Protein backbone atom coordinates (compact mmCIF):
# COMPACT_ATOMS: atom_id res chain seq x y z
CA MET A 1 -97.28 2.09 -90.67
CA PRO A 2 -95.31 -0.48 -87.68
CA ASP A 3 -92.36 1.89 -87.00
CA ALA A 4 -91.57 4.86 -84.43
CA HIS A 5 -91.99 7.46 -87.44
CA PRO A 6 -95.24 6.46 -89.32
CA SER A 7 -95.61 9.80 -90.60
CA ASP A 8 -92.04 9.80 -92.20
CA PRO A 9 -91.23 6.14 -93.90
CA ALA A 10 -87.37 7.34 -94.59
CA LEU A 11 -87.12 7.39 -90.86
CA ALA A 12 -88.75 3.86 -90.61
CA LEU A 13 -86.64 2.54 -93.12
CA TYR A 14 -83.52 4.29 -91.64
CA HIS A 15 -84.05 2.55 -88.01
CA THR A 16 -85.15 -0.98 -89.88
CA LEU A 17 -81.79 -1.00 -92.06
CA GLU A 18 -80.10 -0.30 -88.62
CA ASN A 19 -82.03 -3.20 -86.77
CA VAL A 20 -81.06 -5.79 -89.25
CA GLN A 21 -77.63 -5.01 -89.54
CA TRP A 22 -78.08 -4.70 -93.41
CA GLN A 23 -74.03 -4.79 -94.20
CA ARG A 24 -74.37 -8.57 -93.32
CA SER A 25 -76.96 -9.09 -96.41
CA PHE A 26 -73.75 -8.73 -98.59
CA ASP A 27 -70.01 -9.92 -99.08
CA ALA A 28 -67.25 -8.07 -98.50
CA ARG A 29 -66.25 -7.03 -102.27
CA SER A 30 -69.48 -5.69 -102.94
CA LEU A 31 -69.98 -3.42 -99.61
CA THR A 32 -66.41 -2.00 -100.63
CA ARG A 33 -67.43 -1.06 -104.34
CA GLY A 34 -70.85 -0.03 -103.54
CA GLN A 35 -69.85 2.47 -101.05
CA GLY A 36 -67.28 3.56 -103.44
CA TYR A 37 -69.82 3.91 -106.12
CA ALA A 38 -71.96 6.07 -103.51
CA ARG A 39 -69.47 8.50 -102.78
CA GLN A 40 -69.26 8.72 -106.71
CA GLY A 41 -72.52 10.13 -106.46
CA ARG A 42 -73.41 7.53 -109.40
CA VAL A 43 -77.09 6.97 -107.37
CA ARG A 44 -79.72 8.93 -109.50
CA HIS A 45 -83.06 9.75 -109.41
CA GLY A 46 -84.09 10.10 -105.91
CA THR A 47 -84.28 7.32 -102.69
CA ARG A 48 -87.38 7.80 -101.40
CA PRO A 49 -88.65 4.73 -99.77
CA GLU A 50 -92.38 3.38 -100.28
CA GLN A 51 -94.33 0.74 -98.10
CA GLU A 52 -95.56 -1.96 -100.06
CA GLY A 53 -97.71 -4.53 -97.87
CA GLU A 54 -95.54 -5.29 -94.78
CA MET A 55 -92.15 -4.20 -96.64
CA LEU A 56 -90.26 -0.90 -96.75
CA VAL A 57 -89.33 -0.86 -100.17
CA LEU A 58 -86.74 1.36 -101.87
CA ARG A 59 -85.78 1.84 -105.67
CA ALA A 60 -83.24 3.85 -107.45
CA GLN A 61 -81.10 4.04 -110.54
CA VAL A 62 -77.35 3.46 -110.46
CA ASP A 63 -74.53 4.30 -112.95
CA GLY A 64 -72.52 1.08 -113.47
CA SER A 65 -69.17 1.13 -115.42
CA GLY A 66 -69.32 2.69 -118.93
CA ARG A 67 -72.37 4.05 -119.87
CA SER A 68 -74.70 1.16 -118.40
CA ARG A 69 -77.17 2.85 -115.84
CA TYR A 70 -79.17 -0.05 -113.50
CA LEU A 71 -82.49 -0.22 -111.59
CA THR A 72 -81.87 -1.40 -108.30
CA SER A 73 -84.83 -2.07 -105.68
CA LEU A 74 -84.54 -3.63 -101.91
CA ALA A 75 -87.02 -4.49 -99.40
CA VAL A 76 -86.84 -5.11 -95.62
CA ASP A 77 -89.17 -6.36 -93.24
CA PRO A 78 -89.34 -4.25 -90.17
CA HIS A 79 -90.62 -7.63 -88.17
CA ASN A 80 -88.32 -9.99 -89.63
CA PRO A 81 -84.86 -8.85 -89.05
CA PRO A 82 -83.36 -12.15 -89.63
CA MET A 83 -84.61 -11.91 -93.50
CA GLY A 84 -82.17 -8.80 -93.96
CA VAL A 85 -82.22 -6.91 -97.19
CA VAL A 86 -83.42 -8.32 -100.50
CA SER A 87 -82.40 -6.91 -103.33
CA ASP A 88 -83.03 -6.81 -106.73
CA CYS A 89 -80.80 -5.22 -109.89
CA SER A 90 -81.31 -5.12 -113.45
CA CYS A 91 -77.62 -5.75 -113.55
CA PRO A 92 -75.93 -9.02 -114.74
CA VAL A 93 -75.63 -10.26 -111.14
CA GLY A 94 -78.94 -9.23 -110.00
CA ARG A 95 -78.85 -9.79 -106.36
CA GLN A 96 -77.25 -8.38 -103.75
CA CYS A 97 -74.95 -6.48 -105.84
CA LYS A 98 -72.79 -3.79 -105.21
CA HIS A 99 -75.33 -1.20 -107.02
CA ALA A 100 -77.82 -2.15 -104.09
CA VAL A 101 -74.85 -1.40 -101.63
CA ALA A 102 -74.71 1.86 -103.42
CA VAL A 103 -78.32 2.58 -102.97
CA ILE A 104 -78.64 1.96 -99.46
CA GLN A 105 -75.25 3.93 -98.20
CA SER A 106 -76.64 6.70 -100.67
CA PHE A 107 -80.03 6.90 -98.94
CA ILE A 108 -78.42 6.59 -95.62
CA ASP A 109 -75.67 9.41 -96.20
CA GLU A 110 -78.56 11.86 -97.36
CA LEU A 111 -80.88 11.28 -94.43
CA GLU A 112 -77.98 11.62 -91.57
CA ALA A 113 -76.89 15.05 -93.63
CA ASN A 114 -80.23 16.31 -92.74
CA GLY A 115 -80.04 15.00 -88.95
CA ILE A 116 -81.71 11.86 -87.63
CA PRO A 117 -84.29 12.81 -84.81
CA PRO A 118 -84.12 10.30 -81.80
CA ARG A 119 -85.77 7.38 -81.75
CA ASN A 120 -88.87 6.73 -79.53
CA ASP A 121 -88.60 2.97 -78.78
CA THR A 122 -91.68 3.21 -76.75
CA ALA A 123 -93.82 4.33 -79.84
CA LEU A 124 -92.06 1.76 -81.98
CA LEU A 125 -93.18 -1.10 -79.86
CA GLU A 126 -96.61 0.10 -79.11
CA GLN A 127 -97.27 0.49 -82.87
CA ARG A 128 -95.80 -2.90 -83.41
CA TRP A 129 -97.86 -4.22 -81.14
CA GLU A 130 -100.95 -2.18 -83.05
CA SER A 131 -99.94 -3.79 -86.33
CA TRP A 132 -99.74 -7.32 -84.90
CA LEU A 133 -102.92 -7.07 -83.33
CA THR A 134 -104.37 -5.75 -86.82
CA GLU A 135 -102.70 -8.86 -88.54
CA LEU A 136 -103.95 -11.40 -85.88
CA GLN A 137 -107.23 -10.38 -87.42
CA SER A 138 -106.80 -10.04 -90.85
CA PRO A 139 -107.32 -13.60 -93.02
CA LEU A 140 -103.91 -15.43 -94.55
CA GLY A 141 -102.15 -14.73 -97.40
CA GLY A 142 -102.20 -10.91 -97.43
CA LYS A 143 -100.21 -8.54 -99.68
CA ARG A 144 -96.24 -9.66 -99.13
CA TYR A 145 -93.60 -8.70 -101.13
CA VAL A 146 -92.73 -10.44 -104.31
CA GLU A 147 -89.73 -10.62 -106.18
CA ALA A 148 -90.52 -10.43 -109.97
CA LEU A 149 -89.82 -12.84 -112.29
CA GLU A 150 -89.84 -12.94 -116.10
CA SER A 151 -91.39 -15.10 -118.28
CA ASP A 152 -87.91 -15.58 -120.04
CA TYR A 153 -86.66 -17.40 -116.75
CA ARG A 154 -85.52 -20.87 -117.06
CA LEU A 155 -85.08 -23.55 -114.33
CA ALA A 156 -81.41 -24.23 -113.71
CA LEU A 157 -79.35 -26.44 -111.25
CA PHE A 158 -75.70 -25.46 -110.40
CA LEU A 159 -73.89 -28.49 -109.77
CA ASP A 160 -70.66 -28.98 -107.14
CA ILE A 161 -68.70 -30.82 -104.63
CA ALA A 162 -69.28 -30.90 -101.15
CA SER A 163 -65.77 -30.17 -99.94
CA ASP A 164 -65.63 -33.41 -97.47
CA PRO A 165 -62.48 -35.31 -98.68
CA ARG A 166 -63.40 -38.44 -96.66
CA ASP A 167 -67.07 -38.87 -98.50
CA PRO A 168 -67.39 -36.40 -101.27
CA VAL A 169 -70.90 -35.72 -102.05
CA LEU A 170 -72.85 -33.63 -104.62
CA GLN A 171 -74.46 -30.33 -104.10
CA VAL A 172 -76.98 -28.59 -106.01
CA SER A 173 -78.42 -25.06 -106.16
CA PRO A 174 -81.70 -24.71 -107.77
CA VAL A 175 -81.77 -21.31 -109.47
CA TRP A 176 -83.85 -19.22 -112.12
CA VAL A 177 -81.54 -17.95 -115.51
CA ARG A 178 -82.78 -15.97 -118.06
CA PRO A 179 -80.98 -15.72 -121.81
CA THR A 180 -78.59 -12.66 -121.98
CA LYS A 181 -78.90 -9.94 -124.54
CA GLN A 182 -75.19 -9.89 -125.04
CA ARG A 183 -74.35 -12.47 -127.22
CA SER A 184 -70.70 -12.28 -126.36
CA ARG A 185 -71.47 -12.80 -122.55
CA GLY A 186 -70.27 -16.38 -121.39
CA ASN A 187 -72.72 -19.20 -122.23
CA GLY A 188 -75.74 -17.18 -122.78
CA TRP A 189 -77.67 -17.42 -119.44
CA VAL A 190 -77.32 -14.40 -116.69
CA LYS A 191 -78.91 -13.21 -113.69
CA PRO A 192 -79.29 -16.33 -111.41
CA ARG A 193 -82.39 -16.18 -108.70
CA PRO A 194 -81.98 -18.62 -105.83
CA ILE A 195 -85.14 -20.77 -105.12
CA MET A 196 -86.11 -21.25 -101.86
CA VAL A 197 -88.65 -23.07 -100.09
CA ARG A 198 -91.20 -21.17 -98.05
CA GLY A 199 -92.10 -21.99 -94.25
CA GLY A 200 -95.53 -22.97 -95.08
CA GLY A 201 -94.64 -24.64 -98.09
CA GLY A 202 -94.12 -23.97 -101.96
CA LEU A 203 -91.63 -22.37 -103.79
CA THR A 204 -90.41 -18.56 -104.37
CA PRO A 205 -89.73 -17.06 -106.53
CA ARG A 206 -92.29 -18.70 -109.08
CA PRO A 207 -92.37 -18.00 -112.87
CA PRO A 208 -95.33 -16.48 -114.42
CA GLN A 209 -96.50 -19.61 -116.32
CA GLY A 210 -95.57 -21.96 -113.22
CA LEU A 211 -94.18 -25.33 -112.65
CA SER A 212 -95.61 -28.84 -113.20
CA PRO A 213 -96.75 -30.31 -109.68
CA ASP A 214 -94.33 -33.13 -110.17
CA GLN A 215 -91.37 -30.43 -110.68
CA GLU A 216 -92.25 -28.63 -107.94
CA GLU A 217 -93.02 -31.78 -105.84
CA ALA A 218 -89.10 -32.93 -106.94
CA LEU A 219 -87.76 -29.28 -106.21
CA GLU A 220 -88.91 -29.39 -102.91
CA LEU A 221 -87.75 -32.92 -101.74
CA LEU A 222 -84.41 -31.94 -103.37
CA MET A 223 -83.89 -28.67 -101.02
CA LEU A 224 -85.65 -30.96 -97.94
CA GLY A 225 -82.13 -32.16 -96.28
CA GLU A 226 -79.44 -29.51 -94.66
CA GLN A 227 -79.02 -26.51 -96.76
CA ARG A 228 -75.52 -24.34 -96.73
CA ARG A 229 -75.83 -20.50 -97.25
CA GLN A 230 -73.03 -18.92 -99.12
CA PHE A 231 -72.42 -15.66 -101.07
CA SER A 232 -71.04 -16.40 -104.41
CA SER A 233 -67.81 -14.50 -105.55
CA VAL A 234 -69.93 -11.69 -107.51
CA GLY A 235 -72.38 -10.85 -104.68
CA TYR A 236 -76.07 -12.76 -104.45
CA GLU A 237 -76.65 -15.16 -101.95
CA GLN A 238 -76.80 -18.64 -102.92
CA TRP A 239 -78.01 -21.68 -101.07
CA TRP A 240 -76.76 -25.58 -101.72
CA SER A 241 -78.33 -28.83 -100.71
CA PRO A 242 -75.91 -31.74 -100.45
CA VAL A 243 -77.76 -34.63 -102.04
CA THR A 244 -77.17 -36.68 -98.90
CA HIS A 245 -80.51 -38.87 -99.00
CA ALA A 246 -81.57 -41.56 -101.31
CA PHE A 247 -85.21 -39.24 -101.91
CA GLN A 248 -83.01 -36.30 -102.95
CA ALA A 249 -81.39 -38.25 -105.28
CA ARG A 250 -84.59 -39.60 -106.70
CA ALA A 251 -85.87 -36.04 -106.79
CA LEU A 252 -82.51 -35.24 -108.99
CA TRP A 253 -83.12 -37.76 -111.32
CA SER A 254 -86.60 -36.79 -111.79
CA LEU A 255 -86.17 -33.62 -112.62
CA LEU A 256 -83.77 -34.53 -115.23
CA GLU A 257 -86.04 -36.87 -117.06
CA SER A 258 -89.07 -34.42 -116.98
CA GLU A 259 -90.27 -32.94 -120.20
CA THR A 260 -88.54 -29.90 -119.67
CA PRO A 261 -85.39 -30.95 -117.67
CA PRO A 262 -83.28 -28.19 -116.14
CA LEU A 263 -80.30 -26.52 -117.41
CA LEU A 264 -77.21 -27.82 -115.80
CA PHE A 265 -74.10 -25.81 -114.83
CA HIS A 266 -70.57 -26.58 -112.72
CA PRO A 267 -70.73 -24.78 -110.43
CA LYS A 268 -72.67 -21.61 -112.00
CA GLN A 269 -73.85 -19.94 -115.10
CA THR A 270 -70.38 -18.74 -116.10
CA GLY A 271 -69.17 -22.04 -115.58
CA ALA A 272 -69.37 -25.28 -117.81
CA MET A 273 -72.75 -26.20 -119.07
CA LEU A 274 -73.17 -29.87 -118.90
CA ASP A 275 -75.77 -32.05 -120.76
CA PRO A 276 -77.53 -34.92 -118.95
CA GLY A 277 -75.30 -38.13 -119.93
CA PRO A 278 -76.08 -41.78 -119.86
CA VAL A 279 -76.12 -44.06 -117.21
CA CYS A 280 -72.45 -45.72 -116.49
CA ARG A 281 -71.19 -48.19 -114.24
CA LEU A 282 -68.09 -47.87 -111.53
CA THR A 283 -65.23 -50.24 -112.52
CA LEU A 284 -61.87 -50.30 -110.94
CA ALA A 285 -58.77 -50.04 -112.97
CA TRP A 286 -54.78 -49.71 -112.51
CA GLU A 287 -52.51 -46.75 -113.20
CA HIS A 288 -48.78 -46.09 -112.65
CA ASP A 289 -47.48 -43.13 -110.36
CA ALA A 290 -44.17 -41.09 -110.62
CA ASP A 291 -42.68 -43.99 -108.56
CA GLY A 292 -43.69 -46.92 -110.57
CA ASN A 293 -45.74 -47.95 -108.17
CA GLN A 294 -49.67 -49.10 -109.32
CA ARG A 295 -52.39 -47.37 -107.66
CA LEU A 296 -56.37 -48.23 -108.48
CA TYR A 297 -58.21 -45.78 -109.41
CA ALA A 298 -62.25 -45.58 -109.88
CA ASP A 299 -63.12 -45.64 -113.69
CA ALA A 300 -65.98 -46.16 -115.44
CA GLU A 301 -67.95 -48.44 -118.48
CA PRO A 302 -68.22 -47.85 -121.08
CA THR A 303 -64.85 -46.53 -121.56
CA ASP A 304 -65.62 -43.58 -124.05
CA VAL A 305 -68.48 -41.59 -121.92
CA ILE A 306 -66.66 -39.91 -119.41
CA SER A 307 -63.14 -38.45 -119.21
CA HIS A 308 -60.28 -39.78 -117.06
CA GLU A 309 -61.00 -36.13 -115.24
CA ALA A 310 -64.40 -36.66 -114.33
CA ALA A 311 -65.24 -36.29 -110.79
CA ILE A 312 -67.03 -39.25 -109.20
CA VAL A 313 -69.00 -38.72 -106.07
CA ARG A 314 -72.05 -39.93 -104.13
CA ALA A 315 -75.60 -38.54 -104.60
CA GLY A 316 -77.96 -40.17 -101.75
CA VAL A 317 -77.08 -43.95 -101.52
CA GLU A 318 -76.20 -43.82 -105.40
CA LEU A 319 -73.10 -42.49 -107.34
CA CYS A 320 -73.06 -39.77 -110.34
CA TYR A 321 -70.26 -38.28 -112.14
CA LEU A 322 -69.80 -35.02 -113.09
CA ASP A 323 -67.49 -34.60 -116.30
CA GLN A 324 -66.53 -30.70 -116.86
CA LYS A 325 -64.44 -32.10 -119.98
CA HIS A 326 -66.90 -33.77 -121.66
CA GLY A 327 -70.03 -31.50 -120.62
CA ARG A 328 -71.86 -34.64 -118.82
CA PHE A 329 -73.59 -35.07 -115.67
CA GLY A 330 -75.52 -38.67 -114.67
CA ARG A 331 -75.64 -41.75 -112.69
CA LEU A 332 -72.80 -44.20 -112.04
CA ALA A 333 -74.32 -47.81 -111.24
CA GLY A 334 -72.00 -48.82 -108.19
CA ASP A 335 -71.61 -49.08 -104.61
CA PRO A 336 -70.42 -45.69 -102.67
CA ASP A 337 -68.85 -47.85 -99.71
CA LEU A 338 -66.39 -48.96 -102.54
CA LEU A 339 -65.84 -45.82 -103.77
CA MET A 340 -65.03 -44.63 -100.14
CA ARG A 341 -62.98 -47.60 -99.55
CA LEU A 342 -60.76 -46.97 -102.77
CA ARG A 343 -59.74 -43.58 -101.72
CA ARG A 344 -57.85 -45.32 -98.84
CA ALA A 345 -56.29 -48.35 -100.95
CA PRO A 346 -52.30 -47.99 -100.67
CA PRO A 347 -50.45 -48.40 -103.74
CA LEU A 348 -48.95 -51.58 -105.20
CA PRO A 349 -45.03 -51.81 -105.18
CA PRO A 350 -43.69 -52.57 -108.63
CA GLU A 351 -42.62 -56.45 -108.79
């Protein structure tokens, strides 16, 4: 085992959590609430770690609010500190939640209460070297920690607008979501699992039924550009891909036109659920402001498809509309440069 205490996985995990600075894998709200859960003794049924392949894994049950009890697991890779902590929970949030923080904090508190032996960094380096040599002689594709994904998960896209007032652009976050077991909960979909492109190609996590080759290629192309990492307001890690390239936009439309198109949400599964809308055309129209001046604004034809409040933004070298009021998202034929110039158009004074 690649740690300074091969006979004690608990000490190995303790020092690995310290090395990866585990707190950085969670947002501030989840940290505060999870550490409070740990102090309240909500973590049940032990916190003994195990080794699965190259990963150190910790599992426990955590009492939530009311009578809820959630199964929480987390994993860290001693050889890959930038990966941080990867967690999974049966709660509605699903990832990087307060329950995972509670498990980690309870594990650390329990170990420190019994006393921590001093680290032997020399032994650590020697054993990491031996482990690397063993890995070097092994065939590729060895056992790795793989996040479980049940068969009822559906492909979905979270849609939002990248915050650049000079050039608003569509940004997309591909996820898996599953139907809720509580009929009164939101719009019926919970536990988003962000989709990542592995270093050697391919997507993770993957559903048991897999993806069609065309969908997998489209998703990889969609996420091939810049990616922006952020934590959602409920604690899970989220990756956004601004659709700035033409090939990304083509991949997006390909997904929406496939036999099993993804679900669409703005900006997440608890927000508005959108339907693919028809292709519209960018037009210009006049409106009066409070001072009686006339201002040009972006409109669309046919006029009865999208609302006046719809957002019109760039997607690659095209335009698209995101209409939360009518619950539609679709392509908009028109010139993105004209839209940028329109935003700088001065008002026309009254005659």
